[in-house]
Amino acid sequence: MGIINTYNELGIQYVQWSSTHDTRTRGNKPSDKANHVELDGEIIPLGGTFSNGLEYPGDTKGPLREWINCRCSLIPFIIPDGYMAPSFSPFRESDLVPTLDLYNYDDIVAQATSEM
């Protein structure tokens, strides 16, 4: 909870699930009931819920198979300039929506001139 409180104080709006990348991570074996390999990289608004029902790795309010001995972590995700979050959650970085703003002005001009 200390990390969640710190992210709130820092104004972090989105967080990303980061799985431990080794053979012990849930989802590497066919018998695993949870899949944290697949969950790796999922992004939610801070305080939201990941697709496995947890708010953060180790969230004891979720199913036992998801949090007991979980070694995953929660990292802040900053939306890059020129993009916005999609209207659905959870999402992945590849789901970000490009915006028309001053930060990607050069890209917009390049795209417009290449279409002429």
PDB file of N, CA and C in Angstrom:
ATOM      1  N   MET A   1       0.821  -1.203   0.000  1.00  0.00           N
ATOM      2  CA  MET A   1       0.000   0.000   0.000  1.00  0.00           C
ATOM      3  C   MET A   1       0.861   1.261   0.000  1.00  0.00           C
ATOM      4  N   GLY A   2       2.079   1.135   0.508  1.00  0.00           N
ATOM      5  CA  GLY A   2       2.975   2.297   0.512  1.00  0.00           C
ATOM      6  C   GLY A   2       3.253   2.795  -0.893  1.00  0.00           C
ATOM      7  N   ILE A   3       3.421   1.872  -1.826  1.00  0.00           N
ATOM      8  CA  ILE A   3       3.670   2.260  -3.214  1.00  0.00           C
ATOM      9  C   ILE A   3       2.446   2.964  -3.793  1.00  0.00           C
ATOM     10  N   ILE A   4       1.263   2.425  -3.525  1.00  0.00           N
ATOM     11  CA  ILE A   4       0.022   3.036  -4.018  1.00  0.00           C
ATOM     12  C   ILE A   4      -0.109   4.451  -3.471  1.00  0.00           C
ATOM     13  N   ASN A   5       0.125   4.619  -2.174  1.00  0.00           N
ATOM     14  CA  ASN A   5       0.031   5.950  -1.555  1.00  0.00           C
ATOM     15  C   ASN A   5       1.048   6.915  -2.162  1.00  0.00           C
ATOM     16  N   THR A   6       2.253   6.438  -2.402  1.00  0.00           N
ATOM     17  CA  THR A   6       3.286   7.288  -3.013  1.00  0.00           C
ATOM     18  C   THR A   6       2.886   7.686  -4.425  1.00  0.00           C
ATOM     19  N   TYR A   7       2.392   6.729  -5.207  1.00  0.00           N
ATOM     20  CA  TYR A   7       1.948   7.051  -6.572  1.00  0.00           C
ATOM     21  C   TYR A   7       0.823   8.089  -6.540  1.00  0.00           C
ATOM     22  N   ASN A   8      -0.099   7.951  -5.597  1.00  0.00           N
ATOM     23  CA  ASN A   8      -1.174   8.941  -5.454  1.00  0.00           C
ATOM     24  C   ASN A   8      -0.604  10.322  -5.154  1.00  0.00           C
ATOM     25  N   GLU A   9       0.339  10.389  -4.216  1.00  0.00           N
ATOM     26  CA  GLU A   9       0.944  11.664  -3.851  1.00  0.00           C
ATOM     27  C   GLU A   9       1.705  12.289  -5.013  1.00  0.00           C
ATOM     28  N   LEU A  10       2.297  11.464  -5.858  1.00  0.00           N
ATOM     29  CA  LEU A  10       3.054  11.963  -7.005  1.00  0.00           C
ATOM     30  C   LEU A  10       2.168  12.299  -8.205  1.00  0.00           C
ATOM     31  N   GLY A  11       0.885  11.997  -8.112  1.00  0.00           N
ATOM     32  CA  GLY A  11      -0.028  12.298  -9.206  1.00  0.00           C
ATOM     33  C   GLY A  11       0.019  11.291 -10.346  1.00  0.00           C
ATOM     34  N   ILE A  12       0.535  10.090 -10.081  1.00  0.00           N
ATOM     35  CA  ILE A  12       0.573   9.042 -11.105  1.00  0.00           C
ATOM     36  C   ILE A  12      -0.859   8.629 -11.424  1.00  0.00           C
ATOM     37  N   GLN A  13      -1.214   8.622 -12.697  1.00  0.00           N
ATOM     38  CA  GLN A  13      -2.581   8.296 -13.091  1.00  0.00           C
ATOM     39  C   GLN A  13      -2.748   6.855 -13.547  1.00  0.00           C
ATOM     40  N   TYR A  14      -1.683   6.250 -14.082  1.00  0.00           N
ATOM     41  CA  TYR A  14      -1.766   4.893 -14.611  1.00  0.00           C
ATOM     42  C   TYR A  14      -0.628   4.043 -14.058  1.00  0.00           C
ATOM     43  N   VAL A  15      -0.907   2.762 -13.894  1.00  0.00           N
ATOM     44  CA  VAL A  15       0.112   1.819 -13.437  1.00  0.00           C
ATOM     45  C   VAL A  15       0.130   0.606 -14.355  1.00  0.00           C
ATOM     46  N   GLN A  16       1.284  -0.033 -14.407  1.00  0.00           N
ATOM     47  CA  GLN A  16       1.483  -1.171 -15.307  1.00  0.00           C
ATOM     48  C   GLN A  16       1.949  -2.384 -14.499  1.00  0.00           C
ATOM     49  N   TRP A  17       1.384  -3.545 -14.830  1.00  0.00           N
ATOM     50  CA  TRP A  17       1.766  -4.805 -14.187  1.00  0.00           C
ATOM     51  C   TRP A  17       3.093  -5.254 -14.794  1.00  0.00           C
ATOM     52  N   SER A  18       4.056  -5.570 -13.943  1.00  0.00           N
ATOM     53  CA  SER A  18       5.347  -6.059 -14.406  1.00  0.00           C
ATOM     54  C   SER A  18       5.609  -7.418 -13.767  1.00  0.00           C
ATOM     55  N   SER A  19       5.602  -8.454 -14.593  1.00  0.00           N
ATOM     56  CA  SER A  19       5.834  -9.814 -14.111  1.00  0.00           C
ATOM     57  C   SER A  19       7.328 -10.083 -13.975  1.00  0.00           C
ATOM     58  N   THR A  20       7.654 -11.015 -13.101  1.00  0.00           N
ATOM     59  CA  THR A  20       9.031 -11.482 -13.001  1.00  0.00           C
ATOM     60  C   THR A  20       9.280 -12.387 -14.206  1.00  0.00           C
ATOM     61  N   HIS A  21      10.329 -12.134 -14.921  1.00  0.00           N
ATOM     62  CA  HIS A  21      10.576 -12.861 -16.175  1.00  0.00           C
ATOM     63  C   HIS A  21      11.505 -14.039 -15.937  1.00  0.00           C
ATOM     64  N   ASP A  22      10.954 -15.097 -15.374  1.00  0.00           N
ATOM     65  CA  ASP A  22      11.701 -16.336 -15.212  1.00  0.00           C
ATOM     66  C   ASP A  22      10.739 -17.517 -15.316  1.00  0.00           C
ATOM     67  N   THR A  23      11.253 -18.726 -15.189  1.00  0.00           N
ATOM     68  CA  THR A  23      10.430 -19.924 -15.380  1.00  0.00           C
ATOM     69  C   THR A  23       9.448 -20.171 -14.245  1.00  0.00           C
ATOM     70  N   ARG A  24       9.614 -19.502 -13.107  1.00  0.00           N
ATOM     71  CA  ARG A  24       8.692 -19.692 -11.982  1.00  0.00           C
ATOM     72  C   ARG A  24       7.450 -18.801 -12.074  1.00  0.00           C
ATOM     73  N   THR A  25       7.411 -17.889 -13.018  1.00  0.00           N
ATOM     74  CA  THR A  25       6.274 -16.981 -13.157  1.00  0.00           C
ATOM     75  C   THR A  25       5.039 -17.759 -13.583  1.00  0.00           C
ATOM     76  N   ARG A  26       3.909 -17.462 -12.945  1.00  0.00           N
ATOM     77  CA  ARG A  26       2.652 -18.145 -13.272  1.00  0.00           C
ATOM     78  C   ARG A  26       2.311 -17.950 -14.752  1.00  0.00           C
ATOM     79  N   GLY A  27       1.952 -19.059 -15.380  1.00  0.00           N
ATOM     80  CA  GLY A  27       1.606 -19.028 -16.795  1.00  0.00           C
ATOM     81  C   GLY A  27       2.619 -19.747 -17.660  1.00  0.00           C
ATOM     82  N   ASN A  28       3.757 -20.092 -17.095  1.00  0.00           N
ATOM     83  CA  ASN A  28       4.775 -20.824 -17.849  1.00  0.00           C
ATOM     84  C   ASN A  28       4.483 -22.319 -17.924  1.00  0.00           C
ATOM     85  N   LYS A  29       3.679 -22.825 -17.012  1.00  0.00           N
ATOM     86  CA  LYS A  29       3.351 -24.256 -16.991  1.00  0.00           C
ATOM     87  C   LYS A  29       1.880 -24.433 -17.353  1.00  0.00           C
ATOM     88  N   PRO A  30       1.539 -25.467 -18.108  1.00  0.00           N
ATOM     89  CA  PRO A  30       0.134 -25.708 -18.457  1.00  0.00           C
ATOM     90  C   PRO A  30      -0.766 -25.906 -17.235  1.00  0.00           C
ATOM     91  N   SER A  31      -0.200 -26.353 -16.129  1.00  0.00           N
ATOM     92  CA  SER A  31      -1.004 -26.604 -14.925  1.00  0.00           C
ATOM     93  C   SER A  31      -1.278 -25.337 -14.105  1.00  0.00           C
ATOM     94  N   ASP A  32      -0.647 -24.209 -14.446  1.00  0.00           N
ATOM     95  CA  ASP A  32      -0.856 -22.963 -13.697  1.00  0.00           C
ATOM     96  C   ASP A  32      -2.298 -22.483 -13.853  1.00  0.00           C
ATOM     97  N   LYS A  33      -2.915 -22.144 -12.737  1.00  0.00           N
ATOM     98  CA  LYS A  33      -4.299 -21.653 -12.762  1.00  0.00           C
ATOM     99  C   LYS A  33      -4.361 -20.140 -13.005  1.00  0.00           C
ATOM    100  N   ALA A  34      -3.245 -19.462 -12.825  1.00  0.00           N
ATOM    101  CA  ALA A  34      -3.152 -18.031 -13.085  1.00  0.00           C
ATOM    102  C   ALA A  34      -2.092 -17.810 -14.161  1.00  0.00           C
ATOM    103  N   ASN A  35      -2.166 -16.681 -14.870  1.00  0.00           N
ATOM    104  CA  ASN A  35      -1.211 -16.422 -15.940  1.00  0.00           C
ATOM    105  C   ASN A  35      -0.653 -15.006 -15.821  1.00  0.00           C
ATOM    106  N   HIS A  36       0.453 -14.873 -15.096  1.00  0.00           N
ATOM    107  CA  HIS A  36       1.077 -13.568 -14.947  1.00  0.00           C
ATOM    108  C   HIS A  36       2.024 -13.258 -16.091  1.00  0.00           C
ATOM    109  N   VAL A  37       2.374 -14.269 -16.897  1.00  0.00           N
ATOM    110  CA  VAL A  37       3.155 -14.030 -18.110  1.00  0.00           C
ATOM    111  C   VAL A  37       2.305 -13.201 -19.073  1.00  0.00           C
ATOM    112  N   GLU A  38       1.059 -13.603 -19.253  1.00  0.00           N
ATOM    113  CA  GLU A  38       0.130 -12.886 -20.141  1.00  0.00           C
ATOM    114  C   GLU A  38      -0.239 -11.517 -19.577  1.00  0.00           C
ATOM    115  N   LEU A  39      -0.284 -11.400 -18.264  1.00  0.00           N
ATOM    116  CA  LEU A  39      -0.665 -10.153 -17.596  1.00  0.00           C
ATOM    117  C   LEU A  39       0.410  -9.078 -17.707  1.00  0.00           C
ATOM    118  N   ASP A  40       1.647  -9.497 -17.927  1.00  0.00           N
ATOM    119  CA  ASP A  40       2.777  -8.567 -18.006  1.00  0.00           C
ATOM    120  C   ASP A  40       2.512  -7.476 -19.037  1.00  0.00           C
ATOM    121  N   GLY A  41       2.633  -6.224 -18.616  1.00  0.00           N
ATOM    122  CA  GLY A  41       2.436  -5.091 -19.517  1.00  0.00           C
ATOM    123  C   GLY A  41       1.043  -4.497 -19.509  1.00  0.00           C
ATOM    124  N   GLU A  42       0.108  -5.113 -18.800  1.00  0.00           N
ATOM    125  CA  GLU A  42      -1.250  -4.557 -18.716  1.00  0.00           C
ATOM    126  C   GLU A  42      -1.219  -3.238 -17.948  1.00  0.00           C
ATOM    127  N   ILE A  43      -2.015  -2.271 -18.394  1.00  0.00           N
ATOM    128  CA  ILE A  43      -2.044  -0.935 -17.793  1.00  0.00           C
ATOM    129  C   ILE A  43      -3.475  -0.633 -17.356  1.00  0.00           C
ATOM    130  N   ILE A  44      -3.598  -0.021 -16.165  1.00  0.00           N
ATOM    131  CA  ILE A  44      -4.906   0.390 -15.644  1.00  0.00           C
ATOM    132  C   ILE A  44      -4.767   1.760 -14.993  1.00  0.00           C
ATOM    133  N   PRO A  45      -5.881   2.475 -14.821  1.00  0.00           N
ATOM    134  CA  PRO A  45      -5.825   3.683 -14.008  1.00  0.00           C
ATOM    135  C   PRO A  45      -5.488   3.295 -12.571  1.00  0.00           C
ATOM    136  N   LEU A  46      -4.714   4.118 -11.884  1.00  0.00           N
ATOM    137  CA  LEU A  46      -4.382   3.847 -10.489  1.00  0.00           C
ATOM    138  C   LEU A  46      -5.673   3.691  -9.688  1.00  0.00           C
ATOM    139  N   GLY A  47      -5.798   2.597  -8.970  1.00  0.00           N
ATOM    140  CA  GLY A  47      -7.020   2.307  -8.216  1.00  0.00           C
ATOM    141  C   GLY A  47      -7.980   1.423  -8.974  1.00  0.00           C
ATOM    142  N   GLY A  48      -7.675   1.129 -10.238  1.00  0.00           N
ATOM    143  CA  GLY A  48      -8.512   0.255 -11.046  1.00  0.00           C
ATOM    144  C   GLY A  48      -8.210  -1.209 -10.765  1.00  0.00           C
ATOM    145  N   THR A  49      -8.711  -2.084 -11.632  1.00  0.00           N
ATOM    146  CA  THR A  49      -8.542  -3.519 -11.444  1.00  0.00           C
ATOM    147  C   THR A  49      -7.961  -4.148 -12.709  1.00  0.00           C
ATOM    148  N   PHE A  50      -6.922  -4.954 -12.522  1.00  0.00           N
ATOM    149  CA  PHE A  50      -6.329  -5.690 -13.638  1.00  0.00           C
ATOM    150  C   PHE A  50      -7.265  -6.819 -14.058  1.00  0.00           C
ATOM    151  N   SER A  51      -6.986  -7.438 -15.191  1.00  0.00           N
ATOM    152  CA  SER A  51      -7.868  -8.486 -15.722  1.00  0.00           C
ATOM    153  C   SER A  51      -7.930  -9.720 -14.830  1.00  0.00           C
ATOM    154  N   ASN A  52      -7.000  -9.867 -13.899  1.00  0.00           N
ATOM    155  CA  ASN A  52      -7.037 -11.009 -12.985  1.00  0.00           C
ATOM    156  C   ASN A  52      -7.800 -10.695 -11.696  1.00  0.00           C
ATOM    157  N   GLY A  53      -8.393  -9.504 -11.600  1.00  0.00           N
ATOM    158  CA  GLY A  53      -9.192  -9.129 -10.435  1.00  0.00           C
ATOM    159  C   GLY A  53      -8.427  -8.433  -9.332  1.00  0.00           C
ATOM    160  N   LEU A  54      -7.121  -8.226  -9.519  1.00  0.00           N
ATOM    161  CA  LEU A  54      -6.317  -7.563  -8.494  1.00  0.00           C
ATOM    162  C   LEU A  54      -6.129  -6.087  -8.814  1.00  0.00           C
ATOM    163  N   GLU A  55      -6.005  -5.291  -7.752  1.00  0.00           N
ATOM    164  CA  GLU A  55      -5.706  -3.869  -7.923  1.00  0.00           C
ATOM    165  C   GLU A  55      -4.194  -3.666  -8.079  1.00  0.00           C
ATOM    166  N   TYR A  56      -3.422  -4.580  -7.507  1.00  0.00           N
ATOM    167  CA  TYR A  56      -1.962  -4.535  -7.554  1.00  0.00           C
ATOM    168  C   TYR A  56      -1.440  -5.940  -7.237  1.00  0.00           C
ATOM    169  N   PRO A  57      -0.193  -6.262  -7.625  1.00  0.00           N
ATOM    170  CA  PRO A  57       0.359  -7.575  -7.281  1.00  0.00           C
ATOM    171  C   PRO A  57       0.364  -7.762  -5.761  1.00  0.00           C
ATOM    172  N   GLY A  58      -0.121  -8.898  -5.306  1.00  0.00           N
ATOM    173  CA  GLY A  58      -0.188  -9.168  -3.877  1.00  0.00           C
ATOM    174  C   GLY A  58      -1.461  -8.687  -3.209  1.00  0.00           C
ATOM    175  N   ASP A  59      -2.418  -8.178  -3.990  1.00  0.00           N
ATOM    176  CA  ASP A  59      -3.696  -7.693  -3.455  1.00  0.00           C
ATOM    177  C   ASP A  59      -4.483  -8.871  -2.888  1.00  0.00           C
ATOM    178  N   THR A  60      -4.595  -8.915  -1.564  1.00  0.00           N
ATOM    179  CA  THR A  60      -5.231 -10.054  -0.894  1.00  0.00           C
ATOM    180  C   THR A  60      -6.745 -10.078  -1.035  1.00  0.00           C
ATOM    181  N   LYS A  61      -7.321  -9.072  -1.668  1.00  0.00           N
ATOM    182  CA  LYS A  61      -8.771  -9.085  -1.901  1.00  0.00           C
ATOM    183  C   LYS A  61      -9.139  -9.923  -3.125  1.00  0.00           C
ATOM    184  N   GLY A  62      -8.141 -10.315  -3.905  1.00  0.00           N
ATOM    185  CA  GLY A  62      -8.375 -11.104  -5.105  1.00  0.00           C
ATOM    186  C   GLY A  62      -8.287 -12.589  -4.827  1.00  0.00           C
ATOM    187  N   PRO A  63      -8.446 -13.396  -5.877  1.00  0.00           N
ATOM    188  CA  PRO A  63      -8.359 -14.854  -5.733  1.00  0.00           C
ATOM    189  C   PRO A  63      -6.981 -15.277  -5.212  1.00  0.00           C
ATOM    190  N   LEU A  64      -6.962 -16.244  -4.330  1.00  0.00           N
ATOM    191  CA  LEU A  64      -5.740 -16.727  -3.708  1.00  0.00           C
ATOM    192  C   LEU A  64      -4.692 -17.144  -4.741  1.00  0.00           C
ATOM    193  N   ARG A  65      -5.105 -17.812  -5.803  1.00  0.00           N
ATOM    194  CA  ARG A  65      -4.158 -18.301  -6.819  1.00  0.00           C
ATOM    195  C   ARG A  65      -3.428 -17.151  -7.522  1.00  0.00           C
ATOM    196  N   GLU A  66      -3.982 -15.943  -7.431  1.00  0.00           N
ATOM    197  CA  GLU A  66      -3.387 -14.786  -8.102  1.00  0.00           C
ATOM    198  C   GLU A  66      -2.344 -14.068  -7.251  1.00  0.00           C
ATOM    199  N   TRP A  67      -2.471 -14.095  -5.933  1.00  0.00           N
ATOM    200  CA  TRP A  67      -1.585 -13.264  -5.135  1.00  0.00           C
ATOM    201  C   TRP A  67      -0.619 -13.998  -4.221  1.00  0.00           C
ATOM    202  N   ILE A  68      -0.915 -15.242  -3.835  1.00  0.00           N
ATOM    203  CA  ILE A  68      -0.020 -15.904  -2.898  1.00  0.00           C
ATOM    204  C   ILE A  68       1.341 -16.151  -3.567  1.00  0.00           C
ATOM    205  N   ASN A  69       2.396 -15.744  -2.919  1.00  0.00           N
ATOM    206  CA  ASN A  69       3.779 -15.858  -3.416  1.00  0.00           C
ATOM    207  C   ASN A  69       4.021 -15.132  -4.739  1.00  0.00           C
ATOM    208  N   CYS A  70       3.206 -14.173  -5.069  1.00  0.00           N
ATOM    209  CA  CYS A  70       3.394 -13.404  -6.306  1.00  0.00           C
ATOM    210  C   CYS A  70       4.643 -12.528  -6.161  1.00  0.00           C
ATOM    211  N   ARG A  71       5.480 -12.535  -7.190  1.00  0.00           N
ATOM    212  CA  ARG A  71       6.714 -11.756  -7.179  1.00  0.00           C
ATOM    213  C   ARG A  71       6.672 -10.625  -8.200  1.00  0.00           C
ATOM    214  N   CYS A  72       5.505 -10.351  -8.738  1.00  0.00           N
ATOM    215  CA  CYS A  72       5.343  -9.291  -9.727  1.00  0.00           C
ATOM    216  C   CYS A  72       5.405  -7.921  -9.042  1.00  0.00           C
ATOM    217  N   SER A  73       5.488  -6.869  -9.833  1.00  0.00           N
ATOM    218  CA  SER A  73       5.506  -5.522  -9.277  1.00  0.00           C
ATOM    219  C   SER A  73       4.605  -4.593 -10.065  1.00  0.00           C
ATOM    220  N   LEU A  74       4.378  -3.448  -9.453  1.00  0.00           N
ATOM    221  CA  LEU A  74       3.528  -2.410 -10.031  1.00  0.00           C
ATOM    222  C   LEU A  74       4.423  -1.218 -10.338  1.00  0.00           C
ATOM    223  N   ILE A  75       4.424  -0.788 -11.593  1.00  0.00           N
ATOM    224  CA  ILE A  75       5.274   0.344 -11.956  1.00  0.00           C
ATOM    225  C   ILE A  75       4.416   1.472 -12.527  1.00  0.00           C
ATOM    226  N   PRO A  76       4.839   2.721 -12.324  1.00  0.00           N
ATOM    227  CA  PRO A  76       4.059   3.833 -12.877  1.00  0.00           C
ATOM    228  C   PRO A  76       4.144   3.831 -14.396  1.00  0.00           C
ATOM    229  N   PHE A  77       3.061   4.225 -15.035  1.00  0.00           N
ATOM    230  CA  PHE A  77       3.057   4.341 -16.491  1.00  0.00           C
ATOM    231  C   PHE A  77       2.651   5.764 -16.839  1.00  0.00           C
ATOM    232  N   ILE A  78       3.523   6.464 -17.525  1.00  0.00           N
ATOM    233  CA  ILE A  78       3.262   7.842 -17.953  1.00  0.00           C
ATOM    234  C   ILE A  78       2.867   7.797 -19.427  1.00  0.00           C
ATOM    235  N   ILE A  79       1.703   8.334 -19.739  1.00  0.00           N
ATOM    236  CA  ILE A  79       1.252   8.377 -21.131  1.00  0.00           C
ATOM    237  C   ILE A  79       2.198   9.314 -21.898  1.00  0.00           C
ATOM    238  N   PRO A  80       2.807   8.840 -22.980  1.00  0.00           N
ATOM    239  CA  PRO A  80       3.723   9.695 -23.746  1.00  0.00           C
ATOM    240  C   PRO A  80       2.983  10.875 -24.388  1.00  0.00           C
ATOM    241  N   ASP A  81       3.721  11.970 -24.566  1.00  0.00           N
ATOM    242  CA  ASP A  81       3.154  13.126 -25.262  1.00  0.00           C
ATOM    243  C   ASP A  81       2.665  12.702 -26.637  1.00  0.00           C
ATOM    244  N   GLY A  82       1.520  13.225 -27.023  1.00  0.00           N
ATOM    245  CA  GLY A  82       0.957  12.903 -28.330  1.00  0.00           C
ATOM    246  C   GLY A  82       0.037  11.701 -28.318  1.00  0.00           C
ATOM    247  N   TYR A  83      -0.232  11.153 -27.131  1.00  0.00           N
ATOM    248  CA  TYR A  83      -1.105   9.991 -27.005  1.00  0.00           C
ATOM    249  C   TYR A  83      -2.052  10.185 -25.829  1.00  0.00           C
ATOM    250  N   MET A  84      -3.129   9.415 -25.845  1.00  0.00           N
ATOM    251  CA  MET A  84      -4.040   9.383 -24.709  1.00  0.00           C
ATOM    252  C   MET A  84      -4.464   7.938 -24.481  1.00  0.00           C
ATOM    253  N   ALA A  85      -4.954   7.687 -23.273  1.00  0.00           N
ATOM    254  CA  ALA A  85      -5.396   6.334 -22.933  1.00  0.00           C
ATOM    255  C   ALA A  85      -6.672   6.007 -23.712  1.00  0.00           C
ATOM    256  N   PRO A  86      -6.862   4.746 -24.061  1.00  0.00           N
ATOM    257  CA  PRO A  86      -8.115   4.357 -24.721  1.00  0.00           C
ATOM    258  C   PRO A  86      -9.263   4.414 -23.722  1.00  0.00           C
ATOM    259  N   SER A  87     -10.467   4.259 -24.208  1.00  0.00           N
ATOM    260  CA  SER A  87     -11.645   4.371 -23.343  1.00  0.00           C
ATOM    261  C   SER A  87     -11.927   3.090 -22.571  1.00  0.00           C
ATOM    262  N   PHE A  88     -11.115   2.071 -22.742  1.00  0.00           N
ATOM    263  CA  PHE A  88     -11.332   0.803 -22.035  1.00  0.00           C
ATOM    264  C   PHE A  88     -10.144   0.514 -21.112  1.00  0.00           C
ATOM    265  N   SER A  89     -10.382  -0.340 -20.163  1.00  0.00           N
ATOM    266  CA  SER A  89      -9.341  -0.731 -19.215  1.00  0.00           C
ATOM    267  C   SER A  89      -9.571  -2.184 -18.835  1.00  0.00           C
ATOM    268  N   PRO A  90      -8.560  -2.980 -18.673  1.00  0.00           N
ATOM    269  CA  PRO A  90      -7.147  -2.672 -18.849  1.00  0.00           C
ATOM    270  C   PRO A  90      -6.772  -2.536 -20.324  1.00  0.00           C
ATOM    271  N   PHE A  91      -5.606  -1.922 -20.544  1.00  0.00           N
ATOM    272  CA  PHE A  91      -5.112  -1.774 -21.901  1.00  0.00           C
ATOM    273  C   PHE A  91      -3.607  -1.997 -21.906  1.00  0.00           C
ATOM    274  N   ARG A  92      -3.038  -1.996 -23.085  1.00  0.00           N
ATOM    275  CA  ARG A  92      -1.591  -2.149 -23.252  1.00  0.00           C
ATOM    276  C   ARG A  92      -1.044  -0.923 -23.970  1.00  0.00           C
ATOM    277  N   GLU A  93       0.254  -0.761 -23.939  1.00  0.00           N
ATOM    278  CA  GLU A  93       0.869   0.402 -24.560  1.00  0.00           C
ATOM    279  C   GLU A  93       0.497   0.502 -26.044  1.00  0.00           C
ATOM    280  N   SER A  94       0.348  -0.622 -26.701  1.00  0.00           N
ATOM    281  CA  SER A  94      -0.010  -0.623 -28.121  1.00  0.00           C
ATOM    282  C   SER A  94      -1.432  -0.122 -28.373  1.00  0.00           C
ATOM    283  N   ASP A  95      -2.257  -0.035 -27.312  1.00  0.00           N
ATOM    284  CA  ASP A  95      -3.633   0.451 -27.445  1.00  0.00           C
ATOM    285  C   ASP A  95      -3.749   1.969 -27.321  1.00  0.00           C
ATOM    286  N   LEU A  96      -2.649   2.668 -27.005  1.00  0.00           N
ATOM    287  CA  LEU A  96      -2.704   4.125 -26.844  1.00  0.00           C
ATOM    288  C   LEU A  96      -3.211   4.784 -28.123  1.00  0.00           C
ATOM    289  N   VAL A  97      -3.944   5.864 -27.955  1.00  0.00           N
ATOM    290  CA  VAL A  97      -4.578   6.561 -29.073  1.00  0.00           C
ATOM    291  C   VAL A  97      -3.788   7.830 -29.384  1.00  0.00           C
ATOM    292  N   PRO A  98      -3.311   7.985 -30.629  1.00  0.00           N
ATOM    293  CA  PRO A  98      -2.603   9.225 -30.989  1.00  0.00           C
ATOM    294  C   PRO A  98      -3.553  10.417 -30.923  1.00  0.00           C
ATOM    295  N   THR A  99      -3.032  11.544 -30.495  1.00  0.00           N
ATOM    296  CA  THR A  99      -3.842  12.767 -30.421  1.00  0.00           C
ATOM    297  C   THR A  99      -3.254  13.818 -31.345  1.00  0.00           C
ATOM    298  N   LEU A 100      -4.039  14.797 -31.665  1.00  0.00           N
ATOM    299  CA  LEU A 100      -3.563  15.915 -32.473  1.00  0.00           C
ATOM    300  C   LEU A 100      -3.247  17.069 -31.535  1.00  0.00           C
ATOM    301  N   ASP A 101      -2.022  17.131 -31.106  1.00  0.00           N
ATOM    302  CA  ASP A 101      -1.623  18.215 -30.210  1.00  0.00           C
ATOM    303  C   ASP A 101      -0.272  18.760 -30.640  1.00  0.00           C
ATOM    304  N   LEU A 102       0.209  19.762 -29.935  1.00  0.00           N
ATOM    305  CA  LEU A 102       1.453  20.419 -30.314  1.00  0.00           C
ATOM    306  C   LEU A 102       2.674  19.516 -30.158  1.00  0.00           C
ATOM    307  N   TYR A 103       2.588  18.501 -29.331  1.00  0.00           N
ATOM    308  CA  TYR A 103       3.759  17.670 -29.072  1.00  0.00           C
ATOM    309  C   TYR A 103       4.130  16.800 -30.264  1.00  0.00           C
ATOM    310  N   ASN A 104       3.166  16.454 -31.091  1.00  0.00           N
ATOM    311  CA  ASN A 104       3.516  15.638 -32.255  1.00  0.00           C
ATOM    312  C   ASN A 104       3.252  16.409 -33.549  1.00  0.00           C
ATOM    313  N   TYR A 105       3.422  17.703 -33.497  1.00  0.00           N
ATOM    314  CA  TYR A 105       3.191  18.578 -34.638  1.00  0.00           C
ATOM    315  C   TYR A 105       4.015  18.150 -35.859  1.00  0.00           C
ATOM    316  N   ASP A 106       5.299  17.826 -35.637  1.00  0.00           N
ATOM    317  CA  ASP A 106       6.162  17.426 -36.758  1.00  0.00           C
ATOM    318  C   ASP A 106       5.643  16.159 -37.427  1.00  0.00           C
ATOM    319  N   ASP A 107       5.153  15.218 -36.628  1.00  0.00           N
ATOM    320  CA  ASP A 107       4.593  13.985 -37.192  1.00  0.00           C
ATOM    321  C   ASP A 107       3.348  14.278 -38.021  1.00  0.00           C
ATOM    322  N   ILE A 108       2.524  15.181 -37.552  1.00  0.00           N
ATOM    323  CA  ILE A 108       1.292  15.530 -38.269  1.00  0.00           C
ATOM    324  C   ILE A 108       1.636  16.190 -39.599  1.00  0.00           C
ATOM    325  N   VAL A 109       2.592  17.106 -39.576  1.00  0.00           N
ATOM    326  CA  VAL A 109       3.003  17.786 -40.807  1.00  0.00           C
ATOM    327  C   VAL A 109       3.599  16.774 -41.781  1.00  0.00           C
ATOM    328  N   ALA A 110       4.447  15.880 -41.295  1.00  0.00           N
ATOM    329  CA  ALA A 110       5.063  14.876 -42.171  1.00  0.00           C
ATOM    330  C   ALA A 110       4.013  13.972 -42.786  1.00  0.00           C
ATOM    331  N   GLN A 111       3.038  13.576 -41.984  1.00  0.00           N
ATOM    332  CA  GLN A 111       1.989  12.713 -42.502  1.00  0.00           C
ATOM    333  C   GLN A 111       1.136  13.458 -43.528  1.00  0.00           C
ATOM    334  N   ALA A 112       0.776  14.698 -43.248  1.00  0.00           N
ATOM    335  CA  ALA A 112      -0.055  15.480 -44.163  1.00  0.00           C
ATOM    336  C   ALA A 112       0.664  15.727 -45.487  1.00  0.00           C
ATOM    337  N   THR A 113       1.946  16.035 -45.426  1.00  0.00           N
ATOM    338  CA  THR A 113       2.671  16.312 -46.664  1.00  0.00           C
ATOM    339  C   THR A 113       2.964  15.060 -47.467  1.00  0.00           C
ATOM    340  N   SER A 114       3.062  13.914 -46.817  1.00  0.00           N
ATOM    341  CA  SER A 114       3.313  12.674 -47.553  1.00  0.00           C
ATOM    342  C   SER A 114       2.051  12.170 -48.262  1.00  0.00           C
ATOM    343  N   GLU A 115       0.887  12.640 -47.828  1.00  0.00           N
ATOM    344  CA  GLU A 115      -0.370  12.218 -48.444  1.00  0.00           C
ATOM    345  C   GLU A 115      -0.752  13.081 -49.628  1.00  0.00           C
ATOM    346  N   MET A 116       0.010  14.149 -49.864  1.00  0.00           N
ATOM    347  CA  MET A 116      -0.325  15.067 -50.972  1.00  0.00           C
ATOM    348  C   MET A 116       0.180  14.543 -52.278  1.00  0.00           C
TER     349      MET A 116
END
